[in-house]
Amino acid sequence: MAGVENALVSCGCKGIRSCLVCETLSGKRRVEDKEQSAQDFTYDPSSGHAVRWTDGGVPQSFPFPGVWLWDDFVSEEEERDLVNSMDQDPWKESQSGRRKQDFGPKVNFKKQRVRPGSFNGLPAISHKLVLRMSRESLLHGFQPVEQCNLDYNPERGSAIDPHLDDSWLWGERLVTINLLSDTVVTMSLEEGHVDLEQGEVHVRVAFPRRSLLVLQGEARHRWKHAIHRQDIHQRRVCSTYRELSSEFLPGGQEEALGSQLLDIALSFQGNPI
């Protein structure tokens, strides 16, 4: 696509972030590309455990709560419509070779300030998806106040570093829809796990195309999540939806502001800001 080709000539990397575009110019190398020592597990959705085989051929596992996958959340036709709709709007350069579209309030996380700014709602095409989410018992009462679309491309070396999403503004459940290609979400715990020897622990969570992923509980607040460069093999687009924290819901200190933001978000009349 012409839009993707044009995006390869520039990047939005700052600080320690980098992509293949700026690395080609500077010769620097991403930390994740270097060999790392960690205990690597794979998430088994049928058991809810992180599993690996030791060098001696012995299985090792531990419970890994807070991850939930909904396969085939959208159909092939819906996927085409969603991506076509996104590509009608401009994509902005972002960190680590990604491009993004934001539908949400203006936030200063350091100063813990939020205001509507130019936010005018989530995109219209997301309305039926949010309704579908809310009918699932795990997502009962889920009312997203922000949607962030991200575009990953292997030619740009797109990735997102291990991180924890903010919990002052954003609530308990993080919901992401994965489009165009399969990928892997790598969960990491730097200080080790109580059931294992000390050292960093990685859990690879397979994230199929057209599926929906929910992170909550320990997977939301304790384990960092990342998409590594080596797990992007072709163009991938995703939409992440975030709900408000209790501080901005009824009974919270910022209830009035939260109500205002939700009214805007759920009008579904938004354009990317």
Protein backbone atom coordinates (compact mmCIF):
# COMPACT_ATOMS: atom_id res chain seq x y z
CA MET A 1 0.00 0.00 0.00
CA ALA A 2 1.19 3.50 -0.78
CA GLY A 3 0.54 4.66 2.78
CA VAL A 4 2.76 1.93 4.20
CA GLU A 5 5.55 2.59 1.68
CA ASN A 6 5.56 6.31 2.49
CA ALA A 7 5.85 5.52 6.21
CA LEU A 8 9.16 3.71 5.67
CA VAL A 9 11.09 6.89 4.89
CA SER A 10 10.74 8.44 8.37
CA CYS A 11 10.20 7.42 11.98
CA GLY A 12 8.96 8.81 15.29
CA CYS A 13 11.61 7.30 17.57
CA LYS A 14 12.85 9.32 20.56
CA GLY A 15 15.27 8.65 23.40
CA ILE A 16 16.35 5.02 23.56
CA ARG A 17 13.63 3.86 21.14
CA SER A 18 14.64 2.82 17.63
CA CYS A 19 13.37 1.17 14.47
CA LEU A 20 14.98 -0.19 11.31
CA VAL A 21 14.70 3.24 9.66
CA CYS A 22 16.78 5.12 12.24
CA GLU A 23 19.02 2.14 12.97
CA THR A 24 20.01 2.04 9.30
CA LEU A 25 21.08 5.67 9.55
CA SER A 26 22.77 5.49 12.97
CA GLY A 27 24.03 1.93 13.12
CA LYS A 28 22.65 1.42 16.63
CA ARG A 29 20.99 -1.82 17.63
CA ARG A 30 17.88 -2.55 19.67
CA VAL A 31 18.42 -4.11 23.09
CA GLU A 32 15.81 -6.79 22.39
CA ASP A 33 17.86 -8.01 19.42
CA LYS A 34 20.75 -8.92 21.72
CA GLU A 35 20.90 -12.33 23.30
CA GLN A 36 19.14 -12.32 26.68
CA SER A 37 19.09 -14.89 29.49
CA ALA A 38 15.57 -15.62 30.72
CA GLN A 39 13.30 -18.48 31.63
CA ASP A 40 10.97 -18.81 28.64
CA PHE A 41 7.47 -20.24 28.96
CA THR A 42 4.48 -20.50 26.62
CA TYR A 43 0.93 -19.71 27.71
CA ASP A 44 -1.51 -22.63 27.40
CA PRO A 45 -5.04 -21.14 27.15
CA SER A 46 -6.72 -24.51 27.78
CA SER A 47 -5.15 -24.85 31.24
CA GLY A 48 -4.43 -21.21 32.05
CA HIS A 49 -0.81 -22.19 32.85
CA ALA A 50 2.58 -21.03 31.61
CA VAL A 51 4.43 -24.15 30.43
CA ARG A 52 7.93 -25.13 29.32
CA TRP A 53 10.05 -28.27 28.96
CA THR A 54 13.32 -28.31 30.86
CA ASP A 55 16.59 -29.53 29.34
CA GLY A 56 15.93 -32.88 30.97
CA GLY A 57 12.59 -33.23 29.18
CA VAL A 58 10.56 -32.55 32.32
CA PRO A 59 7.50 -30.28 31.99
CA GLN A 60 7.44 -27.23 34.25
CA SER A 61 4.45 -24.97 34.70
CA PHE A 62 2.76 -22.43 36.94
CA PRO A 63 -0.69 -20.78 36.97
CA PHE A 64 -0.83 -17.67 34.81
CA PRO A 65 -4.07 -15.82 35.60
CA GLY A 66 -5.38 -12.65 33.99
CA VAL A 67 -5.08 -13.59 30.29
CA TRP A 68 -8.17 -14.37 28.21
CA LEU A 69 -8.43 -14.95 24.45
CA TRP A 70 -11.53 -14.79 22.25
CA ASP A 71 -10.70 -16.47 18.94
CA ASP A 72 -12.35 -15.16 15.74
CA PHE A 73 -13.83 -12.17 17.53
CA VAL A 74 -14.24 -10.50 14.12
CA SER A 75 -14.94 -12.11 10.76
CA GLU A 76 -12.77 -11.79 7.66
CA GLU A 77 -15.26 -9.28 6.21
CA GLU A 78 -15.25 -7.22 9.41
CA GLU A 79 -11.45 -7.28 9.44
CA ARG A 80 -11.34 -5.87 5.88
CA ASP A 81 -13.85 -3.16 6.79
CA LEU A 82 -11.99 -2.19 9.95
CA VAL A 83 -8.58 -1.91 8.29
CA ASN A 84 -10.02 -0.06 5.28
CA SER A 85 -11.70 2.39 7.65
CA MET A 86 -8.45 2.98 9.55
CA ASP A 87 -6.51 3.54 6.34
CA GLN A 88 -8.94 6.31 5.35
CA ASP A 89 -7.61 8.33 8.30
CA PRO A 90 -4.04 9.61 8.64
CA TRP A 91 -1.53 7.52 10.56
CA LYS A 92 0.99 9.33 12.78
CA GLU A 93 4.57 8.18 13.24
CA SER A 94 5.14 6.64 16.66
CA GLN A 95 7.96 5.06 18.65
CA SER A 96 9.85 1.92 17.62
CA GLY A 97 8.64 1.80 14.04
CA ARG A 98 4.93 1.88 14.81
CA ARG A 99 2.26 4.20 13.43
CA LYS A 100 -0.78 5.17 15.48
CA GLN A 101 -4.23 6.71 15.58
CA ASP A 102 -5.53 7.97 18.94
CA PHE A 103 -9.17 8.33 19.93
CA GLY A 104 -9.15 9.55 23.50
CA PRO A 105 -8.77 12.45 25.93
CA LYS A 106 -5.65 14.59 26.27
CA VAL A 107 -3.59 13.17 29.15
CA ASN A 108 -0.48 14.23 31.07
CA PHE A 109 0.39 11.09 33.03
CA LYS A 110 3.29 12.65 34.93
CA LYS A 111 1.13 15.43 36.34
CA GLN A 112 -1.98 13.23 36.43
CA ARG A 113 -4.09 15.63 34.44
CA VAL A 114 -6.72 14.77 31.86
CA ARG A 115 -9.11 16.87 29.80
CA PRO A 116 -11.26 16.27 26.72
CA GLY A 117 -9.13 18.41 24.41
CA SER A 118 -10.19 17.72 20.82
CA PHE A 119 -11.52 14.25 21.68
CA ASN A 120 -14.88 13.72 19.99
CA GLY A 121 -15.52 10.03 20.58
CA LEU A 122 -14.50 6.55 19.55
CA PRO A 123 -14.83 5.81 15.82
CA ALA A 124 -18.29 4.86 14.54
CA ILE A 125 -17.08 1.52 13.21
CA SER A 126 -16.20 0.40 16.77
CA HIS A 127 -19.75 0.74 18.08
CA LYS A 128 -20.87 -2.80 17.22
CA LEU A 129 -17.58 -4.25 18.47
CA VAL A 130 -17.98 -2.63 21.89
CA LEU A 131 -21.55 -3.94 22.11
CA ARG A 132 -20.29 -7.44 21.28
CA MET A 133 -17.63 -7.18 23.98
CA SER A 134 -20.13 -6.07 26.62
CA ARG A 135 -22.27 -9.19 26.07
CA GLU A 136 -19.41 -11.40 27.28
CA SER A 137 -19.56 -12.02 31.04
CA LEU A 138 -15.84 -11.28 31.53
CA LEU A 139 -16.36 -7.87 29.91
CA HIS A 140 -19.64 -7.04 31.62
CA GLY A 141 -19.85 -3.28 32.14
CA PHE A 142 -16.84 -2.60 29.92
CA GLN A 143 -17.12 0.99 28.67
CA PRO A 144 -13.99 2.09 26.84
CA VAL A 145 -13.03 5.74 27.03
CA GLU A 146 -10.02 5.43 24.72
CA GLN A 147 -9.13 3.53 21.56
CA CYS A 148 -5.58 3.41 20.21
CA ASN A 149 -4.94 1.89 16.76
CA LEU A 150 -1.38 0.76 16.07
CA ASP A 151 0.17 -0.27 12.76
CA TYR A 152 3.18 -2.63 12.79
CA ASN A 153 5.31 -3.42 9.73
CA PRO A 154 8.39 -5.71 9.58
CA GLU A 155 10.10 -3.37 7.08
CA ARG A 156 10.11 -0.67 9.77
CA GLY A 157 11.19 -3.10 12.50
CA SER A 158 8.01 -2.30 14.45
CA ALA A 159 7.83 -3.34 18.10
CA ILE A 160 6.64 -2.16 21.49
CA ASP A 161 8.93 -2.47 24.52
CA PRO A 162 7.94 -4.22 27.78
CA HIS A 163 5.69 -1.90 29.77
CA LEU A 164 2.82 -1.63 32.23
CA ASP A 165 -0.14 0.49 31.20
CA ASP A 166 -1.03 3.39 33.50
CA SER A 167 -3.44 2.51 36.34
CA TRP A 168 -4.24 6.03 37.59
CA LEU A 169 -6.53 6.75 34.62
CA TRP A 170 -7.01 3.36 32.95
CA GLY A 171 -9.05 0.68 34.66
CA GLU A 172 -8.77 -3.03 35.29
CA ARG A 173 -9.26 -4.51 31.80
CA LEU A 174 -7.12 -3.88 28.73
CA VAL A 175 -8.77 -5.17 25.56
CA THR A 176 -6.97 -5.55 22.22
CA ILE A 177 -8.20 -6.77 18.82
CA ASN A 178 -5.49 -8.18 16.53
CA LEU A 179 -5.87 -7.80 12.73
CA LEU A 180 -4.09 -8.84 9.49
CA SER A 181 -1.54 -11.28 10.97
CA ASP A 182 -0.77 -13.53 13.93
CA THR A 183 1.72 -12.32 16.52
CA VAL A 184 2.95 -13.09 20.05
CA VAL A 185 2.57 -10.98 23.20
CA THR A 186 5.58 -11.51 25.47
CA MET A 187 4.84 -11.08 29.16
CA SER A 188 7.85 -10.51 31.41
CA LEU A 189 8.64 -10.45 35.10
CA GLU A 190 12.10 -9.11 35.91
CA GLU A 191 12.32 -10.16 39.55
CA GLY A 192 11.46 -13.81 38.95
CA HIS A 193 8.47 -15.89 40.05
CA VAL A 194 7.74 -17.50 43.41
CA ASP A 195 7.45 -20.97 41.81
CA LEU A 196 10.78 -20.69 39.96
CA GLU A 197 14.43 -19.99 40.57
CA GLN A 198 15.41 -16.33 40.52
CA GLY A 199 15.84 -14.53 37.22
CA GLU A 200 13.74 -12.90 34.56
CA VAL A 201 10.71 -14.87 33.36
CA HIS A 202 9.07 -14.59 29.94
CA VAL A 203 5.68 -16.01 28.97
CA ARG A 204 4.85 -16.01 25.26
CA VAL A 205 1.12 -15.63 24.57
CA ALA A 206 0.09 -16.54 21.02
CA PHE A 207 -2.23 -13.84 19.65
CA PRO A 208 -4.03 -15.08 16.51
CA ARG A 209 -5.32 -12.88 13.72
CA ARG A 210 -8.89 -11.57 14.25
CA SER A 211 -8.87 -12.54 17.94
CA LEU A 212 -9.41 -10.43 21.06
CA LEU A 213 -7.12 -10.42 24.09
CA VAL A 214 -7.99 -9.27 27.61
CA LEU A 215 -5.33 -8.54 30.25
CA GLN A 216 -6.43 -8.05 33.85
CA GLY A 217 -5.31 -8.82 37.39
CA GLU A 218 -1.66 -9.88 37.67
CA ALA A 219 -1.23 -9.92 33.88
CA ARG A 220 -2.37 -6.29 33.83
CA HIS A 221 -0.61 -4.87 36.89
CA ARG A 222 2.42 -7.09 37.61
CA TRP A 223 3.61 -8.56 34.32
CA LYS A 224 4.92 -6.20 31.64
CA HIS A 225 3.76 -6.89 28.09
CA ALA A 226 5.56 -6.36 24.78
CA ILE A 227 5.46 -7.17 21.07
CA HIS A 228 8.96 -8.01 19.89
CA ARG A 229 10.29 -7.21 16.45
CA GLN A 230 10.92 -10.86 15.61
CA ASP A 231 7.21 -11.60 16.13
CA ILE A 232 6.08 -9.20 13.38
CA HIS A 233 6.27 -11.07 10.07
CA GLN A 234 3.87 -9.01 7.96
CA ARG A 235 1.69 -5.97 8.43
CA ARG A 236 -0.25 -6.11 11.70
CA VAL A 237 -2.90 -3.66 12.89
CA CYS A 238 -4.43 -3.68 16.35
CA SER A 239 -6.96 -1.67 18.35
CA THR A 240 -6.57 -1.39 22.12
CA TYR A 241 -9.52 -0.23 24.22
CA ARG A 242 -9.11 1.15 27.74
CA GLU A 243 -11.73 1.76 30.43
CA LEU A 244 -11.60 4.28 33.27
CA SER A 245 -10.21 3.55 36.71
CA SER A 246 -12.47 3.67 39.78
CA GLU A 247 -11.34 7.23 40.52
CA PHE A 248 -13.29 8.40 37.44
CA LEU A 249 -16.37 6.19 37.93
CA PRO A 250 -19.46 6.77 40.12
CA GLY A 251 -18.35 7.33 43.71
CA GLY A 252 -14.83 8.29 42.66
CA GLN A 253 -13.15 11.64 43.23
CA GLU A 254 -13.24 12.47 39.50
CA GLU A 255 -16.72 11.07 38.82
CA ALA A 256 -17.96 14.19 36.99
CA LEU A 257 -14.99 14.30 34.63
CA GLY A 258 -15.25 10.56 34.02
CA SER A 259 -18.93 10.89 33.12
CA GLN A 260 -18.11 13.69 30.68
CA LEU A 261 -15.36 11.63 29.02
CA LEU A 262 -17.60 8.57 28.72
CA ASP A 263 -20.40 10.61 27.16
CA ILE A 264 -17.97 11.81 24.51
CA ALA A 265 -16.37 8.40 23.95
CA LEU A 266 -19.63 6.48 23.59
CA SER A 267 -21.10 8.92 21.09
CA PHE A 268 -19.01 6.98 18.52
CA GLN A 269 -18.57 10.05 16.37
CA GLY A 270 -14.81 10.32 16.70
CA ASN A 271 -11.92 11.16 14.45
CA PRO A 272 -8.26 10.45 15.35
CA ILE A 273 -6.61 13.28 17.28
